[in-house]
């Protein structure tokens, strides 16, 4: 006698039904935590990566590779330090890529067709053009200082550099930016 399986009935609310593929198990607690981290910090990390690379496409590649490395080490990361750890990985990868010639800093960000929609977009483009001319460590220090709003001591810990090196990198980078831009844009911290 041949057994027949009953056909599963369709769930009433499709949006709340768990999605399961053949051969896939339910996500573990750490996978759910990692997913929640990426959802909450993704926008900020994309902006940081864009500032580190000066190019949105390269920034997405950088962030993707950084997130793969973070995921592989997720079990080692202290719960509150995931964002800082990811920024450190991105900074290290950006420096490695630059040294190995995987990408080169672009002197200017290509202009978009047509006028910019807002002044904020123009400011972002101008900022990215200025950052593109800096060395990777100088760029990382400025991004962490002014975009991520970290203190010099926190930057030193995150990049694993001496505090004096962070201060000198920031000073040199700001001097380069001031030399390039004599307009009213202020690059110093209030």
C-alpha atoms as a PDB file:
ATOM      1  CA  UNK A   1       0.000   0.000   0.000  1.00  0.00           C
ATOM      2  CA  UNK A   2       1.478   3.246  -1.118  1.00  0.00           C
ATOM      3  CA  UNK A   3       1.487   6.160   1.304  1.00  0.00           C
ATOM      4  CA  UNK A   4       0.456   9.527   0.055  1.00  0.00           C
ATOM      5  CA  UNK A   5       1.480  12.732   1.708  1.00  0.00           C
ATOM      6  CA  UNK A   6      -1.130  15.292   2.456  1.00  0.00           C
ATOM      7  CA  UNK A   7      -0.634  18.474   0.461  1.00  0.00           C
ATOM      8  CA  UNK A   8       0.410  21.387   2.647  1.00  0.00           C
ATOM      9  CA  UNK A   9      -2.116  24.139   2.809  1.00  0.00           C
ATOM     10  CA  UNK A  10      -0.992  27.629   1.875  1.00  0.00           C
ATOM     11  CA  UNK A  11      -0.439  29.949   4.806  1.00  0.00           C
ATOM     12  CA  UNK A  12      -3.095  32.571   5.260  1.00  0.00           C
ATOM     13  CA  UNK A  13      -0.667  35.448   5.715  1.00  0.00           C
ATOM     14  CA  UNK A  14       2.194  35.004   3.251  1.00  0.00           C
ATOM     15  CA  UNK A  15       4.283  37.833   4.681  1.00  0.00           C
ATOM     16  CA  UNK A  16       4.544  36.181   8.091  1.00  0.00           C
ATOM     17  CA  UNK A  17       5.239  32.688   6.759  1.00  0.00           C
ATOM     18  CA  UNK A  18       8.824  31.587   7.258  1.00  0.00           C
ATOM     19  CA  UNK A  19      10.710  31.200   4.010  1.00  0.00           C
ATOM     20  CA  UNK A  20      12.523  27.892   3.780  1.00  0.00           C
ATOM     21  CA  UNK A  21      14.397  26.575   0.819  1.00  0.00           C
ATOM     22  CA  UNK A  22      15.099  22.947   0.191  1.00  0.00           C
ATOM     23  CA  UNK A  23      18.247  22.012   2.109  1.00  0.00           C
ATOM     24  CA  UNK A  24      18.308  25.261   4.087  1.00  0.00           C
ATOM     25  CA  UNK A  25      17.885  25.250   7.835  1.00  0.00           C
ATOM     26  CA  UNK A  26      16.472  27.991   9.977  1.00  0.00           C
ATOM     27  CA  UNK A  27      18.948  30.760  10.747  1.00  0.00           C
ATOM     28  CA  UNK A  28      20.859  30.507  13.995  1.00  0.00           C
ATOM     29  CA  UNK A  29      20.738  33.169  16.680  1.00  0.00           C
ATOM     30  CA  UNK A  30      24.123  34.559  15.596  1.00  0.00           C
ATOM     31  CA  UNK A  31      22.946  34.778  11.964  1.00  0.00           C
ATOM     32  CA  UNK A  32      19.886  36.693  13.103  1.00  0.00           C
ATOM     33  CA  UNK A  33      22.064  39.030  15.211  1.00  0.00           C
ATOM     34  CA  UNK A  34      24.419  39.609  12.283  1.00  0.00           C
ATOM     35  CA  UNK A  35      21.489  40.300   9.975  1.00  0.00           C
ATOM     36  CA  UNK A  36      20.057  42.805  12.441  1.00  0.00           C
ATOM     37  CA  UNK A  37      23.461  44.478  12.737  1.00  0.00           C
ATOM     38  CA  UNK A  38      23.758  44.857   8.960  1.00  0.00           C
ATOM     39  CA  UNK A  39      20.211  46.248   8.774  1.00  0.00           C
ATOM     40  CA  UNK A  40      20.853  48.813  11.498  1.00  0.00           C
ATOM     41  CA  UNK A  41      24.408  49.868  10.593  1.00  0.00           C
ATOM     42  CA  UNK A  42      24.333  49.364   6.828  1.00  0.00           C
ATOM     43  CA  UNK A  43      23.676  52.968   5.817  1.00  0.00           C
ATOM     44  CA  UNK A  44      26.381  54.362   8.044  1.00  0.00           C
ATOM     45  CA  UNK A  45      28.873  51.734   6.883  1.00  0.00           C
ATOM     46  CA  UNK A  46      28.147  52.468   3.207  1.00  0.00           C
ATOM     47  CA  UNK A  47      28.802  56.178   3.801  1.00  0.00           C
ATOM     48  CA  UNK A  48      32.028  55.380   5.649  1.00  0.00           C
ATOM     49  CA  UNK A  49      33.174  53.043   2.867  1.00  0.00           C
ATOM     50  CA  UNK A  50      32.360  55.690   0.248  1.00  0.00           C
ATOM     51  CA  UNK A  51      34.452  58.222   2.094  1.00  0.00           C
ATOM     52  CA  UNK A  52      37.320  55.751   2.415  1.00  0.00           C
ATOM     53  CA  UNK A  53      37.345  54.885  -1.295  1.00  0.00           C
ATOM     54  CA  UNK A  54      35.956  57.981  -2.981  1.00  0.00           C
ATOM     55  CA  UNK A  55      33.804  55.807  -5.244  1.00  0.00           C
ATOM     56  CA  UNK A  56      30.415  54.225  -4.522  1.00  0.00           C
ATOM     57  CA  UNK A  57      31.045  51.062  -6.557  1.00  0.00           C
ATOM     58  CA  UNK A  58      34.385  50.401  -4.890  1.00  0.00           C
ATOM     59  CA  UNK A  59      32.793  51.285  -1.548  1.00  0.00           C
ATOM     60  CA  UNK A  60      30.167  48.585  -2.017  1.00  0.00           C
ATOM     61  CA  UNK A  61      32.883  46.050  -2.844  1.00  0.00           C
ATOM     62  CA  UNK A  62      34.866  47.153   0.193  1.00  0.00           C
ATOM     63  CA  UNK A  63      31.861  46.903   2.497  1.00  0.00           C
ATOM     64  CA  UNK A  64      30.856  43.517   1.093  1.00  0.00           C
ATOM     65  CA  UNK A  65      34.299  42.055   1.698  1.00  0.00           C
ATOM     66  CA  UNK A  66      34.455  43.631   5.154  1.00  0.00           C
ATOM     67  CA  UNK A  67      31.059  42.163   6.076  1.00  0.00           C
ATOM     68  CA  UNK A  68      32.182  38.709   4.937  1.00  0.00           C
ATOM     69  CA  UNK A  69      35.195  38.966   7.244  1.00  0.00           C
ATOM     70  CA  UNK A  70      33.062  40.284  10.091  1.00  0.00           C
ATOM     71  CA  UNK A  71      30.560  37.447   9.627  1.00  0.00           C
ATOM     72  CA  UNK A  72      33.329  34.859   9.738  1.00  0.00           C
ATOM     73  CA  UNK A  73      34.539  36.326  13.052  1.00  0.00           C
ATOM     74  CA  UNK A  74      31.096  37.192  14.447  1.00  0.00           C
ATOM     75  CA  UNK A  75      31.474  34.760  17.344  1.00  0.00           C
ATOM     76  CA  UNK A  76      34.610  36.634  18.518  1.00  0.00           C
ATOM     77  CA  UNK A  77      33.184  40.158  18.379  1.00  0.00           C
ATOM     78  CA  UNK A  78      32.118  41.844  21.614  1.00  0.00           C
ATOM     79  CA  UNK A  79      28.387  42.644  21.266  1.00  0.00           C
ATOM     80  CA  UNK A  80      28.697  46.444  21.405  1.00  0.00           C
ATOM     81  CA  UNK A  81      31.798  46.673  19.231  1.00  0.00           C
ATOM     82  CA  UNK A  82      30.549  45.313  15.911  1.00  0.00           C
ATOM     83  CA  UNK A  83      30.324  48.713  14.210  1.00  0.00           C
ATOM     84  CA  UNK A  84      33.824  49.735  15.313  1.00  0.00           C
ATOM     85  CA  UNK A  85      35.203  46.329  14.333  1.00  0.00           C
ATOM     86  CA  UNK A  86      33.637  46.633  10.861  1.00  0.00           C
ATOM     87  CA  UNK A  87      35.071  50.130  10.388  1.00  0.00           C
ATOM     88  CA  UNK A  88      38.506  48.821  11.371  1.00  0.00           C
ATOM     89  CA  UNK A  89      38.216  45.972   8.867  1.00  0.00           C
ATOM     90  CA  UNK A  90      37.155  48.440   6.149  1.00  0.00           C
ATOM     91  CA  UNK A  91      40.072  50.741   6.929  1.00  0.00           C
ATOM     92  CA  UNK A  92      42.544  47.861   6.823  1.00  0.00           C
ATOM     93  CA  UNK A  93      41.085  46.510   3.580  1.00  0.00           C
ATOM     94  CA  UNK A  94      41.131  49.953   1.964  1.00  0.00           C
ATOM     95  CA  UNK A  95      44.798  50.352   2.854  1.00  0.00           C
ATOM     96  CA  UNK A  96      45.596  46.847   1.568  1.00  0.00           C
ATOM     97  CA  UNK A  97      43.739  47.440  -1.682  1.00  0.00           C
ATOM     98  CA  UNK A  98      45.498  50.753  -2.228  1.00  0.00           C
ATOM     99  CA  UNK A  99      48.918  49.206  -1.583  1.00  0.00           C
ATOM    100  CA  UNK A 100      48.256  46.281  -3.908  1.00  0.00           C
ATOM    101  CA  UNK A 101      46.886  48.475  -6.662  1.00  0.00           C
ATOM    102  CA  UNK A 102      43.415  46.947  -6.588  1.00  0.00           C
ATOM    103  CA  UNK A 103      42.014  50.443  -6.761  1.00  0.00           C
ATOM    104  CA  UNK A 104      43.560  53.826  -7.090  1.00  0.00           C
ATOM    105  CA  UNK A 105      42.429  57.027  -5.482  1.00  0.00           C
ATOM    106  CA  UNK A 106      40.602  59.107  -8.051  1.00  0.00           C
ATOM    107  CA  UNK A 107      41.679  62.722  -8.273  1.00  0.00           C
ATOM    108  CA  UNK A 108      38.140  63.894  -8.871  1.00  0.00           C
ATOM    109  CA  UNK A 109      34.759  62.279  -8.560  1.00  0.00           C
ATOM    110  CA  UNK A 110      33.126  62.165 -12.013  1.00  0.00           C
ATOM    111  CA  UNK A 111      30.467  64.781 -12.508  1.00  0.00           C
ATOM    112  CA  UNK A 112      26.891  63.624 -12.741  1.00  0.00           C
ATOM    113  CA  UNK A 113      24.841  64.723 -15.745  1.00  0.00           C
ATOM    114  CA  UNK A 114      22.693  67.721 -14.957  1.00  0.00           C
ATOM    115  CA  UNK A 115      22.683  69.950 -11.911  1.00  0.00           C
ATOM    116  CA  UNK A 116      22.795  68.581  -8.377  1.00  0.00           C
ATOM    117  CA  UNK A 117      19.489  68.278  -6.621  1.00  0.00           C
ATOM    118  CA  UNK A 118      20.662  69.839  -3.368  1.00  0.00           C
ATOM    119  CA  UNK A 119      23.621  71.673  -1.934  1.00  0.00           C
ATOM    120  CA  UNK A 120      24.220  68.730   0.413  1.00  0.00           C
ATOM    121  CA  UNK A 121      24.976  66.473  -2.547  1.00  0.00           C
ATOM    122  CA  UNK A 122      27.436  69.073  -3.863  1.00  0.00           C
ATOM    123  CA  UNK A 123      29.083  69.223  -0.443  1.00  0.00           C
ATOM    124  CA  UNK A 124      29.367  65.425  -0.344  1.00  0.00           C
ATOM    125  CA  UNK A 125      30.909  65.353  -3.825  1.00  0.00           C
ATOM    126  CA  UNK A 126      33.343  68.109  -2.881  1.00  0.00           C
ATOM    127  CA  UNK A 127      34.258  66.297   0.321  1.00  0.00           C
ATOM    128  CA  UNK A 128      34.834  63.021  -1.569  1.00  0.00           C
ATOM    129  CA  UNK A 129      37.028  64.819  -4.132  1.00  0.00           C
ATOM    130  CA  UNK A 130      39.152  66.232  -1.336  1.00  0.00           C
ATOM    131  CA  UNK A 131      39.387  62.902   0.489  1.00  0.00           C
ATOM    132  CA  UNK A 132      40.389  61.084  -2.717  1.00  0.00           C
ATOM    133  CA  UNK A 133      43.686  62.971  -2.767  1.00  0.00           C
ATOM    134  CA  UNK A 134      44.761  61.749   0.671  1.00  0.00           C
ATOM    135  CA  UNK A 135      46.727  58.637   1.599  1.00  0.00           C
ATOM    136  CA  UNK A 136      44.531  55.792   2.926  1.00  0.00           C
ATOM    137  CA  UNK A 137      45.562  56.166   6.569  1.00  0.00           C
ATOM    138  CA  UNK A 138      45.031  59.936   6.447  1.00  0.00           C
ATOM    139  CA  UNK A 139      41.621  59.386   4.859  1.00  0.00           C
ATOM    140  CA  UNK A 140      40.697  56.765   7.465  1.00  0.00           C
ATOM    141  CA  UNK A 141      41.669  59.063  10.343  1.00  0.00           C
ATOM    142  CA  UNK A 142      39.607  61.968   8.970  1.00  0.00           C
ATOM    143  CA  UNK A 143      36.589  59.793   8.188  1.00  0.00           C
ATOM    144  CA  UNK A 144      36.615  58.309  11.678  1.00  0.00           C
ATOM    145  CA  UNK A 145      37.194  61.708  13.285  1.00  0.00           C
ATOM    146  CA  UNK A 146      34.669  63.818  11.415  1.00  0.00           C
ATOM    147  CA  UNK A 147      32.163  61.331   9.998  1.00  0.00           C
ATOM    148  CA  UNK A 148      32.060  58.696  12.737  1.00  0.00           C
ATOM    149  CA  UNK A 149      32.733  61.374  15.392  1.00  0.00           C
ATOM    150  CA  UNK A 150      35.333  59.317  17.259  1.00  0.00           C
ATOM    151  CA  UNK A 151      37.941  60.832  19.558  1.00  0.00           C
ATOM    152  CA  UNK A 152      41.633  60.611  18.695  1.00  0.00           C
ATOM    153  CA  UNK A 153      42.092  57.939  21.356  1.00  0.00           C
ATOM    154  CA  UNK A 154      39.210  55.856  19.926  1.00  0.00           C
ATOM    155  CA  UNK A 155      40.670  56.199  16.430  1.00  0.00           C
ATOM    156  CA  UNK A 156      44.056  55.044  17.712  1.00  0.00           C
ATOM    157  CA  UNK A 157      42.453  51.984  19.298  1.00  0.00           C
ATOM    158  CA  UNK A 158      40.352  51.208  16.228  1.00  0.00           C
ATOM    159  CA  UNK A 159      43.220  51.528  13.740  1.00  0.00           C
ATOM    160  CA  UNK A 160      45.749  50.078  16.189  1.00  0.00           C
ATOM    161  CA  UNK A 161      48.035  53.080  15.832  1.00  0.00           C
ATOM    162  CA  UNK A 162      49.827  55.115  18.481  1.00  0.00           C
ATOM    163  CA  UNK A 163      47.943  58.234  19.562  1.00  0.00           C
ATOM    164  CA  UNK A 164      50.753  60.460  18.296  1.00  0.00           C
ATOM    165  CA  UNK A 165      50.523  58.897  14.835  1.00  0.00           C
ATOM    166  CA  UNK A 166      46.773  59.552  14.714  1.00  0.00           C
ATOM    167  CA  UNK A 167      47.355  63.192  15.666  1.00  0.00           C
ATOM    168  CA  UNK A 168      50.092  63.678  13.066  1.00  0.00           C
ATOM    169  CA  UNK A 169      48.055  61.938  10.337  1.00  0.00           C
ATOM    170  CA  UNK A 170      45.073  64.164  11.115  1.00  0.00           C
ATOM    171  CA  UNK A 171      47.235  67.281  11.185  1.00  0.00           C
ATOM    172  CA  UNK A 172      48.931  66.461   7.861  1.00  0.00           C
ATOM    173  CA  UNK A 173      45.644  65.526   6.206  1.00  0.00           C
ATOM    174  CA  UNK A 174      43.924  68.717   7.353  1.00  0.00           C
ATOM    175  CA  UNK A 175      46.909  70.780   6.144  1.00  0.00           C
ATOM    176  CA  UNK A 176      46.627  69.119   2.711  1.00  0.00           C
ATOM    177  CA  UNK A 177      42.899  69.815   2.579  1.00  0.00           C
ATOM    178  CA  UNK A 178      43.383  73.439   3.620  1.00  0.00           C
ATOM    179  CA  UNK A 179      46.046  73.889   0.950  1.00  0.00           C
ATOM    180  CA  UNK A 180      43.677  72.532  -1.713  1.00  0.00           C
ATOM    181  CA  UNK A 181      40.629  74.436  -0.583  1.00  0.00           C
ATOM    182  CA  UNK A 182      40.935  78.108   0.161  1.00  0.00           C
ATOM    183  CA  UNK A 183      37.182  78.682  -0.095  1.00  0.00           C
ATOM    184  CA  UNK A 184      34.903  79.160   2.900  1.00  0.00           C
ATOM    185  CA  UNK A 185      34.663  75.411   3.615  1.00  0.00           C
ATOM    186  CA  UNK A 186      36.071  74.751   7.074  1.00  0.00           C
ATOM    187  CA  UNK A 187      37.882  71.448   7.653  1.00  0.00           C
ATOM    188  CA  UNK A 188      38.633  71.959  11.320  1.00  0.00           C
ATOM    189  CA  UNK A 189      36.564  70.613  14.155  1.00  0.00           C
ATOM    190  CA  UNK A 190      34.300  73.152  15.916  1.00  0.00           C
END
